[in-house]
N, C-alpha and C. Protein backbone atom coordinates (compact mmCIF):
# COMPACT_ATOMS: atom_id res chain seq x y z
N MET A 1 143.26 99.95 36.88
CA MET A 1 143.88 98.96 36.30
C MET A 1 143.17 97.68 36.78
N ASP A 2 143.35 96.65 35.84
CA ASP A 2 142.76 95.32 35.92
C ASP A 2 143.36 94.31 35.24
N LEU A 3 143.17 93.12 35.38
CA LEU A 3 143.86 91.94 34.85
C LEU A 3 143.58 91.77 33.22
N SER A 4 142.42 92.33 32.84
CA SER A 4 142.09 92.22 31.32
C SER A 4 142.98 93.11 30.83
N THR A 5 143.21 94.33 31.29
CA THR A 5 144.21 95.27 30.74
C THR A 5 145.67 94.91 30.62
N ILE A 6 146.07 94.22 31.83
CA ILE A 6 147.38 93.73 31.86
C ILE A 6 147.60 92.68 30.93
N ARG A 7 146.70 91.66 30.58
CA ARG A 7 146.69 90.73 29.72
C ARG A 7 146.85 91.08 28.14
N LYS A 8 146.01 92.14 28.08
CA LYS A 8 146.02 92.70 26.71
C LYS A 8 147.45 93.34 26.56
N LYS A 9 148.10 93.96 27.37
CA LYS A 9 149.26 94.58 27.25
C LYS A 9 150.33 93.75 27.27
N LEU A 10 150.18 92.44 27.78
CA LEU A 10 151.29 91.40 27.62
C LEU A 10 151.38 90.97 26.14
N GLN A 11 150.40 90.95 25.38
CA GLN A 11 150.51 90.53 23.88
C GLN A 11 151.27 91.60 23.01
N LYS A 12 152.30 90.97 22.57
CA LYS A 12 153.29 91.98 21.67
C LYS A 12 152.35 92.69 20.44
N LYS A 13 151.28 92.12 19.98
CA LYS A 13 150.60 92.74 18.93
C LYS A 13 149.79 93.83 19.35
N ASP A 14 149.68 94.21 20.71
CA ASP A 14 148.94 95.25 21.22
C ASP A 14 149.97 96.42 21.02
N ASN A 15 149.33 97.69 20.55
CA ASN A 15 150.32 98.84 20.33
C ASN A 15 150.88 99.30 21.86
N SER A 16 150.12 99.27 22.77
CA SER A 16 150.74 99.60 24.23
C SER A 16 151.36 98.70 25.03
N HIS A 17 151.96 97.61 24.25
CA HIS A 17 152.45 96.29 24.88
C HIS A 17 153.54 96.78 25.86
N TYR A 18 153.86 96.06 26.88
CA TYR A 18 154.96 96.20 27.92
C TYR A 18 156.22 96.04 27.10
N SER A 19 157.09 97.05 27.26
CA SER A 19 158.51 97.01 26.52
C SER A 19 159.61 96.81 27.61
N ALA A 20 159.26 96.70 29.01
CA ALA A 20 160.06 96.45 30.08
C ALA A 20 159.31 95.82 31.16
N PRO A 21 160.27 95.09 32.14
CA PRO A 21 159.34 94.39 33.15
C PRO A 21 158.84 95.40 34.07
N GLU A 22 159.41 96.64 34.33
CA GLU A 22 159.19 97.72 35.17
C GLU A 22 157.69 98.15 34.86
N GLU A 23 157.37 98.05 33.64
CA GLU A 23 156.01 98.65 33.20
C GLU A 23 154.96 97.63 33.75
N LEU A 24 155.15 96.41 33.70
CA LEU A 24 154.18 95.40 34.08
C LEU A 24 154.26 95.34 35.54
N VAL A 25 155.17 95.42 36.29
CA VAL A 25 155.50 95.45 37.74
C VAL A 25 154.43 96.92 38.15
N THR A 26 154.54 97.84 37.45
CA THR A 26 153.95 99.22 37.85
C THR A 26 152.49 98.95 37.93
N ASP A 27 151.72 98.23 36.62
CA ASP A 27 150.64 97.94 36.45
C ASP A 27 150.04 97.01 37.52
N VAL A 28 150.71 96.03 37.72
CA VAL A 28 150.27 95.05 38.55
C VAL A 28 150.15 95.53 40.07
N ARG A 29 151.00 96.51 40.49
CA ARG A 29 151.12 97.09 41.79
C ARG A 29 149.79 98.16 41.77
N LEU A 30 149.60 98.79 40.80
CA LEU A 30 148.52 99.81 40.64
C LEU A 30 147.43 98.91 40.87
N MET A 31 147.14 97.69 40.19
CA MET A 31 145.88 97.07 40.35
C MET A 31 145.58 96.58 41.58
N PHE A 32 146.66 96.05 42.45
CA PHE A 32 146.53 96.00 43.88
C PHE A 32 146.34 96.99 44.81
N TRP A 33 146.90 98.02 44.36
CA TRP A 33 146.49 99.41 45.15
C TRP A 33 145.05 99.73 45.04
N ASN A 34 144.65 99.64 43.80
CA ASN A 34 143.19 99.78 43.62
C ASN A 34 142.21 98.85 44.45
N CYS A 35 142.60 97.69 44.34
CA CYS A 35 142.05 96.65 45.20
C CYS A 35 141.90 97.21 46.60
N ALA A 36 142.87 97.49 46.99
CA ALA A 36 143.06 97.96 48.52
C ALA A 36 141.99 99.15 48.70
N LYS A 37 141.98 100.11 47.68
CA LYS A 37 141.41 101.33 47.91
C LYS A 37 139.88 101.20 47.64
N PHE A 38 139.48 100.25 46.89
CA PHE A 38 137.96 99.98 47.01
C PHE A 38 137.41 98.86 47.44
N ASN A 39 138.29 98.21 48.21
CA ASN A 39 137.63 96.93 49.00
C ASN A 39 138.11 96.85 50.52
N TYR A 40 138.99 97.76 50.94
CA TYR A 40 139.40 98.04 52.37
C TYR A 40 138.58 99.26 52.84
N CYS A 41 137.38 99.44 53.11
CA CYS A 41 136.76 100.66 53.49
C CYS A 41 137.44 101.85 52.98
N GLY A 42 137.72 101.73 51.54
CA GLY A 42 138.32 103.08 51.04
C GLY A 42 139.75 103.17 51.51
N SER A 43 140.32 102.26 51.97
CA SER A 43 141.81 102.42 52.76
C SER A 43 142.85 101.79 51.88
N THR A 44 143.94 102.14 51.66
CA THR A 44 145.03 101.28 51.09
C THR A 44 146.10 100.95 52.11
N GLU A 45 145.78 101.17 53.45
CA GLU A 45 146.77 100.70 54.52
C GLU A 45 147.11 99.23 54.42
N TRP A 46 146.48 98.43 53.98
CA TRP A 46 147.02 97.08 54.10
C TRP A 46 148.11 96.85 53.33
N LEU A 47 148.38 97.96 52.29
CA LEU A 47 149.77 97.83 51.63
C LEU A 47 150.84 98.00 52.57
N PHE A 48 150.64 98.65 53.60
CA PHE A 48 151.82 98.90 54.50
C PHE A 48 151.74 98.23 55.92
N PHE A 49 150.46 98.19 56.13
CA PHE A 49 150.37 97.55 57.70
C PHE A 49 149.24 96.47 57.52
N PRO A 50 149.74 95.33 58.04
CA PRO A 50 148.72 94.06 58.29
C PRO A 50 147.37 94.42 58.98
N LEU A 51 146.36 94.54 58.03
CA LEU A 51 145.10 94.74 58.75
C LEU A 51 144.17 93.55 58.36
N GLN A 52 142.96 93.50 58.97
CA GLN A 52 142.02 92.26 58.86
C GLN A 52 141.27 92.76 57.58
N PRO A 53 141.14 91.94 56.47
CA PRO A 53 140.43 92.32 55.46
C PRO A 53 138.80 92.23 55.69
N ASP A 54 138.10 93.13 55.06
CA ASP A 54 136.80 93.40 55.31
C ASP A 54 135.67 92.78 54.48
N SER A 55 136.45 92.00 53.51
CA SER A 55 135.70 91.25 52.46
C SER A 55 136.70 90.17 51.78
N GLU A 56 135.88 89.21 51.18
CA GLU A 56 136.78 88.17 50.49
C GLU A 56 137.61 88.64 49.38
N VAL A 57 136.99 89.81 48.64
CA VAL A 57 137.84 90.31 47.69
C VAL A 57 138.93 91.02 48.09
N ALA A 58 138.94 91.64 49.31
CA ALA A 58 139.99 92.30 49.93
C ALA A 58 141.22 91.17 50.39
N GLU A 59 140.80 90.26 50.94
CA GLU A 59 141.79 89.16 51.38
C GLU A 59 142.24 88.47 50.15
N ALA A 60 141.31 88.40 49.17
CA ALA A 60 142.03 87.71 47.94
C ALA A 60 143.22 88.83 47.25
N GLY A 61 142.88 89.88 47.22
CA GLY A 61 143.81 90.90 46.75
C GLY A 61 145.17 91.01 47.64
N ARG A 62 145.08 90.96 48.69
CA ARG A 62 146.09 91.12 49.75
C ARG A 62 147.05 89.64 49.48
N CYS A 63 146.42 88.65 49.33
CA CYS A 63 147.13 87.33 49.23
C CYS A 63 147.81 87.42 47.90
N LEU A 64 147.06 87.77 46.76
CA LEU A 64 147.83 87.79 45.46
C LEU A 64 149.09 88.84 45.46
N ASP A 65 148.73 89.95 46.19
CA ASP A 65 150.08 90.81 46.19
C ASP A 65 150.98 90.30 46.70
N GLU A 66 150.81 89.58 48.05
CA GLU A 66 152.05 88.81 48.48
C GLU A 66 152.67 87.92 47.80
N LEU A 67 151.68 87.18 47.00
CA LEU A 67 152.37 86.12 46.03
C LEU A 67 153.26 86.65 44.99
N PHE A 68 152.59 87.77 44.43
CA PHE A 68 153.20 88.66 43.20
C PHE A 68 154.59 88.92 43.62
N GLU A 69 154.51 89.78 44.99
CA GLU A 69 156.01 90.18 45.37
C GLU A 69 156.96 89.18 45.60
N ASP A 70 156.59 88.10 46.18
CA ASP A 70 157.34 86.83 46.47
C ASP A 70 157.82 86.46 45.29
N LYS A 71 157.07 86.16 44.28
CA LYS A 71 157.56 85.57 42.93
C LYS A 71 158.32 86.50 42.16
N LEU A 72 158.08 87.96 42.30
CA LEU A 72 158.95 88.90 41.69
C LEU A 72 160.32 88.96 42.26
N LYS A 73 160.56 88.69 43.49
CA LYS A 73 161.71 88.60 44.12
C LYS A 73 162.46 87.33 43.68
N GLU A 74 161.95 86.31 43.45
CA GLU A 74 162.43 84.97 42.96
C GLU A 74 163.00 85.14 41.49
N ILE A 75 162.14 85.68 40.82
CA ILE A 75 162.48 85.87 39.36
C ILE A 75 163.50 87.07 39.11
N TYR A 76 163.58 87.95 39.82
CA TYR A 76 164.49 89.10 39.65
C TYR A 76 165.19 89.28 41.24
N PRO A 77 166.03 88.23 41.49
CA PRO A 77 166.63 88.61 42.95
C PRO A 77 167.39 89.90 43.11
N ASP A 78 168.02 90.18 41.89
CA ASP A 78 169.10 91.26 42.13
C ASP A 78 168.42 92.55 41.53
N ARG A 79 167.28 92.69 41.49
CA ARG A 79 166.56 93.90 40.75
C ARG A 79 165.58 94.35 41.65
N HIS A 80 165.64 95.79 41.64
CA HIS A 80 164.74 96.47 42.59
C HIS A 80 163.78 97.41 41.69
N PHE A 81 162.56 97.11 41.97
CA PHE A 81 161.46 97.68 41.29
C PHE A 81 160.92 98.89 42.12
N PRO A 82 160.75 100.20 41.68
CA PRO A 82 160.44 101.26 42.72
C PRO A 82 159.06 100.82 43.24
N SER A 83 158.76 101.21 44.36
CA SER A 83 157.42 101.15 45.24
C SER A 83 156.44 101.98 44.55
N MET A 84 155.28 101.43 44.54
CA MET A 84 154.20 102.55 44.13
C MET A 84 153.96 103.71 45.28
N GLN A 85 153.89 104.92 44.71
CA GLN A 85 153.48 106.12 45.51
C GLN A 85 152.14 106.12 45.58
N GLN A 86 151.45 106.74 46.61
CA GLN A 86 149.98 106.90 46.68
C GLN A 86 149.52 107.81 45.71
N ASP A 87 150.14 108.76 45.03
CA ASP A 87 149.75 109.83 44.10
C ASP A 87 149.75 109.01 42.61
N ASP A 88 150.14 107.72 42.60
CA ASP A 88 150.45 107.02 41.43
C ASP A 88 148.97 106.16 41.02
N SER A 89 148.18 106.12 42.07
CA SER A 89 147.01 105.35 41.86
C SER A 89 146.01 105.92 40.72
N ASP A 90 145.16 105.07 40.43
CA ASP A 90 144.18 105.56 39.36
C ASP A 90 143.30 106.74 40.07
N SER A 91 142.90 107.78 39.46
CA SER A 91 142.17 108.74 40.07
C SER A 91 140.89 108.24 40.60
N GLU A 92 139.90 108.76 40.02
CA GLU A 92 138.50 108.41 40.65
C GLU A 92 138.06 106.97 40.04
N GLY A 93 138.50 106.70 39.06
CA GLY A 93 137.87 105.42 38.41
C GLY A 93 138.72 104.28 38.25
N VAL A 94 138.41 103.18 38.04
CA VAL A 94 139.34 101.92 37.63
C VAL A 94 139.41 101.82 36.35
N GLU A 95 140.73 101.68 35.71
CA GLU A 95 140.76 101.54 34.35
C GLU A 95 140.30 100.24 33.98
C-alpha cells in the first residue's frame, strides 16, 4: 500500500473508492506497517515498541504514524478502529 493508491481510492470516481472510514484507516495502517517492515531492518517492532529508527525514512514513517493515530482519535473520539494484525500486511511486495 502507498499514498498514491490511497489518494486514488479517496476519489469517488474510482471504482474501488473508500465507502467507509474503516477502509481508509486499514489502508493507512497497512502503509505504515509496510514502512516499518521495509525500513527498520525488516522489522515491524516499532509499531509495538519504541525503537531507534535506522534511517530517515523509518523515522518519517514512525512520526507520520503517530500523527495519523493522534488525528484519528481527534476526529473520531468515540470510535474504535481495529488494530492491524501482522498477517494483514502486504505479502512480499508493496502495492
